[in-house]
N, C-alpha and C. Protein backbone atom coordinates (compact mmCIF):
# COMPACT_ATOMS: atom_id res chain seq x y z
N MET A 1 19.39 -3.93 10.84
CA MET A 1 18.51 -3.18 10.38
C MET A 1 17.58 -2.79 11.76
N GLU A 2 16.93 -1.17 12.10
CA GLU A 2 16.31 -1.16 12.96
C GLU A 2 14.82 -1.35 13.16
N GLU A 3 14.47 -1.10 14.31
CA GLU A 3 13.20 -2.11 14.61
C GLU A 3 12.07 -0.40 13.71
N LEU A 4 10.89 -0.95 13.22
CA LEU A 4 10.37 0.16 12.61
C LEU A 4 8.77 0.44 13.72
N LYS A 5 8.10 1.22 13.80
CA LYS A 5 6.98 1.40 14.75
C LYS A 5 6.12 1.69 13.62
N PHE A 6 5.00 1.43 14.09
CA PHE A 6 3.71 1.51 13.16
C PHE A 6 2.39 2.37 14.18
N ARG A 7 2.16 3.45 13.89
CA ARG A 7 0.76 4.02 14.30
C ARG A 7 0.31 4.87 13.62
N ASN A 8 -1.32 4.90 14.05
CA ASN A 8 -2.39 5.34 13.25
C ASN A 8 -1.84 6.52 12.92
N ALA A 9 -2.24 6.79 11.81
CA ALA A 9 -2.19 8.05 11.16
C ALA A 9 -3.62 9.17 11.71
N ASN A 10 -2.95 10.21 11.79
CA ASN A 10 -4.01 11.23 12.26
C ASN A 10 -3.96 12.37 11.19
N LEU A 11 -4.72 13.28 11.35
CA LEU A 11 -4.89 14.07 10.17
C LEU A 11 -3.74 15.02 9.71
N GLU A 12 -2.87 15.21 10.80
CA GLU A 12 -1.96 16.04 10.65
C GLU A 12 -0.83 15.40 10.03
N ASP A 13 -0.88 13.91 9.79
CA ASP A 13 -0.36 13.28 8.70
C ASP A 13 -0.42 13.36 7.63
N LEU A 14 -1.49 13.65 7.00
CA LEU A 14 -2.17 13.36 5.65
C LEU A 14 -1.48 14.50 4.52
N SER A 15 -0.55 15.40 4.86
CA SER A 15 0.46 15.92 4.23
C SER A 15 1.33 15.16 3.82
N LYS A 16 1.91 14.48 4.74
CA LYS A 16 3.49 13.84 4.77
C LYS A 16 3.01 12.30 3.69
N ILE A 17 1.57 12.15 4.18
CA ILE A 17 1.42 10.84 3.30
C ILE A 17 1.45 11.22 1.67
N VAL A 18 0.48 12.49 1.82
CA VAL A 18 0.44 12.61 -0.03
C VAL A 18 2.01 13.03 -0.12
N GLU A 19 2.59 13.73 0.24
CA GLU A 19 4.03 14.22 -0.36
C GLU A 19 4.44 12.64 -0.27
N ILE A 20 4.60 11.70 0.12
CA ILE A 20 5.28 10.23 0.03
C ILE A 20 4.42 9.67 -0.86
N TYR A 21 3.54 9.86 -1.25
CA TYR A 21 2.68 9.23 -2.33
C TYR A 21 2.61 10.04 -3.43
N ASN A 22 2.69 11.32 -3.58
CA ASN A 22 3.00 12.09 -5.06
C ASN A 22 4.85 11.65 -5.60
N SER A 23 5.66 11.34 -4.45
CA SER A 23 7.06 11.40 -4.66
C SER A 23 7.42 9.91 -5.64
N THR A 24 6.27 9.09 -5.81
CA THR A 24 6.00 7.84 -6.50
C THR A 24 5.83 7.76 -8.10
N ILE A 25 5.30 9.13 -8.03
CA ILE A 25 4.12 9.13 -9.43
C ILE A 25 5.53 9.59 -10.70
N PRO A 26 6.42 10.29 -10.20
CA PRO A 26 7.33 10.13 -11.55
C PRO A 26 8.19 9.16 -12.32
N SER A 27 8.42 7.87 -11.42
CA SER A 27 8.29 6.51 -11.67
C SER A 27 7.53 5.85 -12.94
N ARG A 28 6.34 6.14 -12.55
CA ARG A 28 5.40 5.39 -13.61
C ARG A 28 5.50 4.10 -13.19
N MET A 29 5.49 3.33 -12.07
CA MET A 29 5.87 2.33 -11.38
C MET A 29 4.84 1.58 -10.54
N VAL A 30 4.54 2.66 -9.50
CA VAL A 30 3.39 2.55 -8.50
C VAL A 30 2.48 2.77 -8.45
N THR A 31 1.43 3.97 -9.01
CA THR A 31 0.53 4.49 -9.48
C THR A 31 0.07 5.07 -10.80
N ALA A 32 -1.44 4.77 -10.70
CA ALA A 32 -2.01 5.42 -11.88
C ALA A 32 -2.02 6.89 -11.85
N ASP A 33 -1.86 7.35 -11.29
CA ASP A 33 -1.75 8.82 -11.07
C ASP A 33 -0.61 9.46 -11.86
N THR A 34 -1.17 10.24 -12.72
CA THR A 34 0.05 10.77 -13.48
C THR A 34 0.75 12.19 -13.04
N GLU A 35 -0.20 12.94 -12.13
CA GLU A 35 -0.36 14.18 -11.49
C GLU A 35 -0.27 14.17 -10.35
N ASN A 36 0.49 14.96 -9.27
CA ASN A 36 0.43 15.13 -8.11
C ASN A 36 -0.64 15.19 -7.72
N ILE A 37 -1.24 14.95 -6.73
CA ILE A 37 -2.44 14.60 -5.70
C ILE A 37 -2.35 15.69 -4.76
N SER A 38 -3.66 16.51 -4.16
CA SER A 38 -3.82 17.27 -3.16
C SER A 38 -4.09 16.75 -1.98
N VAL A 39 -3.66 17.21 -0.60
CA VAL A 39 -4.32 16.36 0.21
C VAL A 39 -5.67 16.69 0.45
N GLU A 40 -6.53 17.91 -0.08
CA GLU A 40 -7.77 17.89 -0.13
C GLU A 40 -8.32 16.82 -1.05
N SER A 41 -7.47 16.31 -1.62
CA SER A 41 -8.25 15.35 -2.55
C SER A 41 -8.24 14.08 -1.79
N ARG A 42 -7.54 14.16 -0.54
CA ARG A 42 -7.00 12.77 0.00
C ARG A 42 -7.95 12.57 1.23
N ILE A 43 -9.15 13.80 1.87
CA ILE A 43 -9.51 13.63 3.17
C ILE A 43 -10.43 12.82 3.24
N GLN A 44 -11.37 12.31 2.15
CA GLN A 44 -12.10 11.57 2.26
C GLN A 44 -11.80 10.09 2.19
N TRP A 45 -10.61 10.04 1.69
CA TRP A 45 -10.02 8.71 1.67
C TRP A 45 -9.50 8.40 3.15
N PHE A 46 -8.58 9.54 3.58
CA PHE A 46 -8.34 9.13 4.84
C PHE A 46 -9.47 8.69 5.94
N HIS A 47 -10.72 9.32 5.73
CA HIS A 47 -11.69 9.16 6.77
C HIS A 47 -12.24 7.87 6.29
N GLU A 48 -11.98 7.03 5.18
CA GLU A 48 -12.29 5.87 5.00
C GLU A 48 -11.64 4.56 5.71
N HIS A 49 -10.68 5.25 6.46
CA HIS A 49 -9.57 4.25 7.09
C HIS A 49 -10.07 4.49 8.64
N ASN A 50 -10.04 3.33 9.27
CA ASN A 50 -10.17 3.58 10.76
C ASN A 50 -9.40 2.46 11.38
N SER A 51 -9.24 2.50 12.88
CA SER A 51 -8.17 1.74 13.49
C SER A 51 -8.74 0.24 13.77
N GLU A 52 -10.01 0.58 13.78
CA GLU A 52 -10.73 -1.24 14.29
C GLU A 52 -11.02 -1.92 12.79
N THR A 53 -10.99 -1.48 11.77
CA THR A 53 -10.93 -2.56 10.72
C THR A 53 -10.17 -2.33 9.36
N ARG A 54 -9.98 -0.73 9.20
CA ARG A 54 -9.11 -0.36 7.79
C ARG A 54 -8.24 0.70 8.37
N PRO A 55 -7.44 -0.17 8.77
CA PRO A 55 -6.04 1.08 9.81
C PRO A 55 -5.13 1.55 8.21
N LEU A 56 -4.63 3.00 8.84
CA LEU A 56 -3.29 3.16 7.97
C LEU A 56 -2.66 4.01 8.51
N TRP A 57 -1.81 3.03 8.82
CA TRP A 57 -0.39 3.25 9.33
C TRP A 57 0.26 4.13 8.97
N VAL A 58 1.38 5.06 10.11
CA VAL A 58 2.33 5.55 9.47
C VAL A 58 3.90 4.76 10.09
N ILE A 59 4.65 4.87 9.32
CA ILE A 59 5.91 3.71 9.88
C ILE A 59 6.93 4.85 10.02
N GLU A 60 7.38 4.75 11.25
CA GLU A 60 8.11 5.39 11.49
C GLU A 60 9.74 4.61 12.13
N ASP A 61 10.88 5.47 12.16
CA ASP A 61 12.24 5.05 12.55
C ASP A 61 12.30 5.12 14.20
N GLN A 62 13.34 4.75 14.79
CA GLN A 62 13.21 5.02 16.44
C GLN A 62 13.30 6.36 16.85
N HIS A 63 13.58 7.38 15.86
CA HIS A 63 13.68 8.64 16.46
C HIS A 63 12.45 9.49 15.94
N ASN A 64 11.27 8.80 15.75
CA ASN A 64 9.68 9.37 15.06
C ASN A 64 10.08 9.80 13.74
N ASN A 65 10.81 9.50 12.91
CA ASN A 65 11.20 9.96 11.42
C ASN A 65 10.00 9.05 10.79
N VAL A 66 9.16 9.76 9.75
CA VAL A 66 8.61 8.84 9.13
C VAL A 66 8.69 8.69 7.54
N LEU A 67 9.08 7.07 7.86
CA LEU A 67 9.67 6.50 6.40
C LEU A 67 8.66 5.87 5.72
N GLY A 68 7.19 6.15 5.68
CA GLY A 68 6.31 5.61 4.55
C GLY A 68 4.85 5.64 5.63
N TRP A 69 4.14 4.83 4.59
CA TRP A 69 3.19 4.40 5.40
C TRP A 69 2.17 3.34 4.51
N VAL A 70 1.25 2.66 5.03
CA VAL A 70 0.39 1.44 4.66
C VAL A 70 -0.92 1.53 5.05
N SER A 71 -1.84 1.31 4.18
CA SER A 71 -2.79 1.01 4.54
C SER A 71 -3.72 -0.25 4.36
N PHE A 72 -4.93 -0.32 4.90
CA PHE A 72 -5.71 -1.35 4.36
C PHE A 72 -7.22 -0.53 3.87
N SER A 73 -7.30 -1.03 2.39
CA SER A 73 -8.49 -0.46 1.83
C SER A 73 -9.47 -1.56 1.77
N SER A 74 -11.03 -1.32 1.87
CA SER A 74 -11.70 -1.95 1.30
C SER A 74 -12.02 -2.32 -0.15
N PHE A 75 -11.92 -3.49 -0.28
CA PHE A 75 -12.12 -4.23 -1.51
C PHE A 75 -13.61 -4.30 -1.98
N TYR A 76 -13.74 -3.54 -3.06
CA TYR A 76 -15.11 -3.47 -3.84
C TYR A 76 -16.35 -3.20 -3.37
N GLY A 77 -16.24 -2.70 -1.87
CA GLY A 77 -17.42 -1.98 -1.22
C GLY A 77 -18.55 -2.60 -1.00
N ARG A 78 -18.43 -3.59 -0.85
CA ARG A 78 -19.81 -4.81 -0.71
C ARG A 78 -19.77 -5.41 0.72
N PRO A 79 -20.61 -5.60 1.43
CA PRO A 79 -20.45 -6.28 2.88
C PRO A 79 -19.95 -7.71 2.63
N ALA A 80 -20.28 -8.39 1.46
CA ALA A 80 -19.48 -9.83 1.60
C ALA A 80 -17.96 -10.10 1.50
N TYR A 81 -17.47 -8.64 0.86
CA TYR A 81 -15.95 -8.39 1.00
C TYR A 81 -15.26 -7.99 2.22
N ASN A 82 -15.90 -7.74 3.28
CA ASN A 82 -15.41 -6.95 4.65
C ASN A 82 -14.13 -7.99 4.97
N GLY A 83 -13.79 -9.35 4.36
CA GLY A 83 -12.60 -9.65 5.06
C GLY A 83 -11.29 -9.91 4.01
N THR A 84 -11.73 -8.94 3.24
CA THR A 84 -10.56 -8.57 1.81
C THR A 84 -10.08 -7.40 2.01
N VAL A 85 -9.02 -6.89 2.04
CA VAL A 85 -8.31 -5.94 1.57
C VAL A 85 -7.31 -5.55 0.90
N GLU A 86 -7.06 -4.58 0.13
CA GLU A 86 -6.46 -3.82 -0.69
C GLU A 86 -5.07 -3.42 -0.10
N LEU A 87 -3.99 -3.88 0.02
CA LEU A 87 -2.85 -3.25 1.06
C LEU A 87 -1.84 -2.58 0.21
N SER A 88 -1.45 -1.29 0.74
CA SER A 88 -0.93 -0.17 -0.04
C SER A 88 0.24 0.25 0.72
N ILE A 89 1.59 -0.11 -0.27
CA ILE A 89 2.77 0.47 0.88
C ILE A 89 3.35 1.36 -0.09
N TYR A 90 3.63 2.42 0.69
CA TYR A 90 4.52 3.65 0.22
C TYR A 90 5.28 3.94 1.13
N MET A 91 6.76 4.12 0.92
CA MET A 91 7.94 4.29 1.44
C MET A 91 8.30 5.80 0.98
N ASP A 92 8.92 6.32 1.67
CA ASP A 92 9.88 7.74 1.24
C ASP A 92 11.00 7.35 0.51
N GLU A 93 11.04 8.22 -0.47
CA GLU A 93 12.33 7.95 -1.32
C GLU A 93 13.21 7.83 -0.71
N ASN A 94 13.84 8.31 0.73
CA ASN A 94 14.89 8.00 1.23
C ASN A 94 15.14 6.70 2.10
N SER A 95 13.88 5.81 1.90
CA SER A 95 13.95 4.73 2.70
C SER A 95 13.37 3.18 1.94
N ARG A 96 13.72 3.32 0.26
CA ARG A 96 13.61 2.77 -0.63
C ARG A 96 14.38 2.06 -1.11
N GLY A 97 14.41 0.80 -1.22
CA GLY A 97 15.63 -0.08 -1.57
C GLY A 97 16.32 -0.59 -0.13
N LYS A 98 15.96 -0.33 0.94
CA LYS A 98 16.59 -0.57 2.33
C LYS A 98 15.81 -2.13 2.95
N GLY A 99 14.72 -2.40 2.65
CA GLY A 99 14.56 -4.00 3.18
C GLY A 99 13.54 -3.66 4.00
N TYR A 100 12.92 -1.98 4.15
CA TYR A 100 11.95 -2.44 5.20
C TYR A 100 10.46 -2.76 4.20
N GLY A 101 10.70 -3.16 3.06
CA GLY A 101 9.41 -3.54 2.93
C GLY A 101 9.01 -4.59 3.02
N LYS A 102 10.42 -5.41 3.12
CA LYS A 102 9.74 -6.85 4.23
C LYS A 102 9.16 -6.76 5.52
N LYS A 103 9.84 -5.53 6.32
CA LYS A 103 9.03 -5.36 7.35
C LYS A 103 7.75 -5.34 7.61
N VAL A 104 7.52 -4.33 6.74
CA VAL A 104 6.02 -3.62 6.46
C VAL A 104 4.94 -4.85 6.11
N LEU A 105 5.34 -5.65 5.39
CA LEU A 105 4.47 -6.60 4.52
C LEU A 105 4.40 -7.61 5.92
N GLN A 106 5.31 -7.93 6.36
CA GLN A 106 5.36 -9.33 7.43
C GLN A 106 4.16 -8.37 8.78
N TYR A 107 4.70 -7.37 8.75
CA TYR A 107 3.77 -6.66 9.96
C TYR A 107 2.27 -6.86 9.77
N CYS A 108 2.15 -6.49 7.99
CA CYS A 108 0.61 -6.29 7.80
C CYS A 108 -0.23 -7.77 7.77
N ILE A 109 0.51 -8.83 7.37
CA ILE A 109 0.16 -10.30 7.46
C ILE A 109 0.27 -10.71 9.00
N ASP A 110 1.07 -10.41 9.72
CA ASP A 110 0.73 -10.81 11.19
C ASP A 110 -0.38 -9.94 12.34
N ASN A 111 -0.58 -8.96 11.75
CA ASN A 111 -1.80 -8.33 11.83
C ASN A 111 -3.03 -8.25 11.99
N ALA A 112 -3.48 -8.57 10.42
CA ALA A 112 -4.23 -8.75 9.36
C ALA A 112 -5.58 -9.34 10.42
N GLY A 113 -5.15 -10.18 10.87
CA GLY A 113 -6.47 -10.90 11.35
C GLY A 113 -7.16 -10.56 12.81
N LYS A 114 -6.26 -9.08 13.48
CA LYS A 114 -6.91 -8.33 14.15
C LYS A 114 -8.29 -7.29 13.86
N PHE A 115 -7.73 -7.13 12.59
CA PHE A 115 -9.07 -6.69 11.94
C PHE A 115 -9.90 -7.24 10.97
N GLY A 116 -10.16 -8.45 11.20
CA GLY A 116 -11.30 -9.12 10.63
C GLY A 116 -10.98 -9.82 9.05
N VAL A 117 -9.50 -9.12 8.88
CA VAL A 117 -8.69 -9.53 7.51
C VAL A 117 -8.85 -11.21 7.11
N LYS A 118 -8.98 -11.80 6.17
CA LYS A 118 -8.83 -13.03 6.00
C LYS A 118 -7.98 -13.25 4.33
N THR A 119 -7.92 -12.14 3.86
CA THR A 119 -7.22 -11.95 2.32
C THR A 119 -6.80 -10.45 2.10
N LEU A 120 -5.50 -10.46 2.08
CA LEU A 120 -4.68 -9.38 1.40
C LEU A 120 -4.55 -9.35 -0.11
N LEU A 121 -4.90 -8.34 -0.52
CA LEU A 121 -4.80 -8.31 -2.02
C LEU A 121 -3.32 -7.16 -2.13
N GLY A 122 -2.84 -7.09 -3.08
CA GLY A 122 -2.10 -6.09 -3.81
C GLY A 122 -2.07 -5.97 -5.40
N PHE A 123 -2.25 -4.90 -5.90
CA PHE A 123 -2.59 -4.28 -7.05
C PHE A 123 -1.08 -4.02 -7.43
N ILE A 124 -0.44 -4.33 -8.19
CA ILE A 124 1.06 -3.85 -8.80
C ILE A 124 1.02 -3.86 -10.03
N PHE A 125 1.84 -2.96 -10.68
CA PHE A 125 1.91 -3.06 -11.95
C PHE A 125 2.94 -4.38 -12.75
N LEU A 126 2.84 -4.70 -13.75
CA LEU A 126 3.77 -5.82 -14.31
C LEU A 126 4.77 -5.32 -14.14
N HIS A 127 5.63 -4.21 -14.62
CA HIS A 127 6.67 -3.70 -14.63
C HIS A 127 7.55 -3.22 -13.14
N ASN A 128 6.82 -3.39 -12.32
CA ASN A 128 7.37 -2.97 -11.05
C ASN A 128 7.65 -4.25 -10.63
N GLU A 129 8.78 -4.54 -10.88
CA GLU A 129 9.25 -5.69 -10.31
C GLU A 129 9.87 -5.70 -8.72
N PRO A 130 9.91 -4.74 -8.35
CA PRO A 130 10.33 -4.95 -6.83
C PRO A 130 9.53 -5.38 -6.31
N SER A 131 8.22 -4.50 -6.61
CA SER A 131 6.83 -4.79 -5.55
C SER A 131 6.31 -6.14 -5.75
N LEU A 132 6.42 -6.89 -7.25
CA LEU A 132 6.23 -7.91 -7.22
C LEU A 132 7.17 -9.02 -6.80
N LYS A 133 8.30 -9.17 -6.66
CA LYS A 133 9.33 -9.71 -5.93
C LYS A 133 8.88 -9.84 -4.34
N LEU A 134 8.83 -8.62 -4.06
CA LEU A 134 8.29 -8.65 -2.38
C LEU A 134 7.19 -9.47 -2.04
N PHE A 135 6.03 -9.15 -2.78
CA PHE A 135 4.96 -9.94 -2.48
C PHE A 135 5.02 -11.27 -2.61
N ARG A 136 6.00 -11.48 -3.78
CA ARG A 136 5.73 -13.21 -4.33
C ARG A 136 6.50 -13.66 -2.73
N TYR A 137 7.54 -12.97 -2.52
CA TYR A 137 8.57 -13.68 -1.05
C TYR A 137 7.34 -14.04 -0.23
N PHE A 138 6.37 -13.22 0.04
CA PHE A 138 5.62 -13.89 1.02
C PHE A 138 4.46 -14.60 0.66
N GLY A 139 4.69 -15.24 -0.16
CA GLY A 139 3.56 -16.45 -0.49
C GLY A 139 2.36 -15.91 -1.39
N PHE A 140 2.40 -14.50 -1.92
CA PHE A 140 1.31 -13.99 -2.39
C PHE A 140 1.33 -14.58 -4.30
N GLU A 141 0.33 -14.99 -4.73
CA GLU A 141 0.09 -15.64 -5.78
C GLU A 141 -0.71 -14.63 -6.90
N ASP A 142 -0.36 -14.85 -8.07
CA ASP A 142 -0.85 -13.96 -9.30
C ASP A 142 -2.60 -14.29 -9.13
N TRP A 143 -3.61 -13.90 -8.57
CA TRP A 143 -4.83 -14.01 -9.07
C TRP A 143 -5.37 -13.56 -10.50
N GLY A 144 -5.03 -12.40 -10.79
CA GLY A 144 -5.62 -11.92 -11.77
C GLY A 144 -4.37 -10.88 -12.78
N VAL A 145 -4.57 -10.99 -13.74
CA VAL A 145 -4.06 -10.05 -14.73
C VAL A 145 -4.96 -9.32 -15.77
N PHE A 146 -4.53 -8.28 -15.40
CA PHE A 146 -5.42 -7.24 -16.63
C PHE A 146 -4.33 -6.74 -17.60
N PRO A 147 -4.20 -7.14 -18.70
CA PRO A 147 -3.29 -6.64 -19.48
C PRO A 147 -3.65 -5.11 -20.27
N ASP A 148 -2.55 -4.63 -20.16
CA ASP A 148 -2.57 -3.23 -20.63
C ASP A 148 -3.75 -2.44 -20.49
N VAL A 149 -4.35 -2.12 -19.28
CA VAL A 149 -5.19 -1.42 -19.00
C VAL A 149 -4.79 -0.05 -18.47
N ALA A 150 -3.78 0.24 -18.30
CA ALA A 150 -3.43 1.66 -18.01
C ALA A 150 -2.31 1.97 -18.83
N VAL A 151 -2.64 3.34 -19.37
CA VAL A 151 -1.82 4.19 -20.16
C VAL A 151 -0.87 4.72 -19.51
N LEU A 152 0.29 4.98 -19.10
CA LEU A 152 1.49 5.55 -18.50
C LEU A 152 2.30 6.61 -19.71
N ASP A 153 2.37 7.46 -19.83
CA ASP A 153 3.14 8.61 -20.87
C ASP A 153 3.10 7.56 -22.23
N GLY A 154 1.90 7.49 -22.88
CA GLY A 154 1.84 6.35 -24.10
C GLY A 154 2.06 5.13 -23.68
N VAL A 155 2.15 4.87 -23.40
CA VAL A 155 2.84 3.26 -22.59
C VAL A 155 1.92 2.37 -22.28
N GLU A 156 1.47 0.97 -22.89
CA GLU A 156 0.08 0.59 -21.95
C GLU A 156 0.91 0.04 -20.97
N ARG A 157 0.34 -0.12 -19.78
CA ARG A 157 0.77 -1.37 -18.80
C ARG A 157 0.00 -2.29 -18.31
N THR A 158 0.37 -3.67 -17.77
CA THR A 158 -0.45 -3.97 -17.17
C THR A 158 -0.11 -4.29 -15.90
N LEU A 159 -1.70 -4.66 -15.14
CA LEU A 159 -1.89 -4.61 -13.73
C LEU A 159 -1.66 -5.99 -13.29
N VAL A 160 -1.06 -6.22 -12.37
CA VAL A 160 -1.28 -7.99 -11.65
C VAL A 160 -2.00 -7.94 -10.15
N ILE A 161 -3.13 -8.20 -9.96
CA ILE A 161 -3.41 -8.87 -8.48
C ILE A 161 -2.93 -9.96 -8.04
N LEU A 162 -2.52 -9.60 -7.17
CA LEU A 162 -1.60 -10.43 -6.16
C LEU A 162 -2.64 -10.90 -5.21
N GLY A 163 -2.75 -12.10 -4.58
CA GLY A 163 -4.11 -12.28 -3.24
C GLY A 163 -2.78 -13.26 -2.40
N LYS A 164 -3.36 -13.46 -1.06
CA LYS A 164 -3.19 -14.21 -0.08
C LYS A 164 -3.90 -14.25 0.88
N ARG A 165 -4.08 -15.63 1.24
CA ARG A 165 -5.49 -16.42 2.48
C ARG A 165 -4.24 -16.18 3.69
N ILE A 166 -4.64 -15.55 4.48
CA ILE A 166 -4.26 -15.37 5.77
C ILE A 166 -4.98 -15.96 7.07
N GLY A 167 -6.18 -16.14 6.77
CA GLY A 167 -6.98 -16.43 7.94
C GLY A 167 -8.18 -17.85 7.42
């Protein structure tokens, strides 16, 4: 498998980031959004990331094709939680199921300490078995279960919070 490149996202990447995110909505497995979001609606979210503490990386192949993105987002917005982040990984439709997730998650684990992160969290629907399997492969444990908290197309869905201490 080819090497992946991670670079800090810039504002020009936001349309591709939103396109990839929106491509996951129809599966009803990855996000609680039920309709496409706009680039404009994600500008504030984009600016909540920074290269010092809350990276938003674009994942590229050796030919600079965007394969996906990954972000560290603040958990709960209080200073005492600064060492904890929610990890989000989104791959382009053509890049899913090819083993890139393991490389991306390993990169996040290996580099989290550089951003003052000691705890990684993943918020994953219980029916999203591929993502649960990926996180558990790296030793993430179930830290919280929220039964039937989301309704997607009339079906109640359970959210699992997985956590891993890395520092």
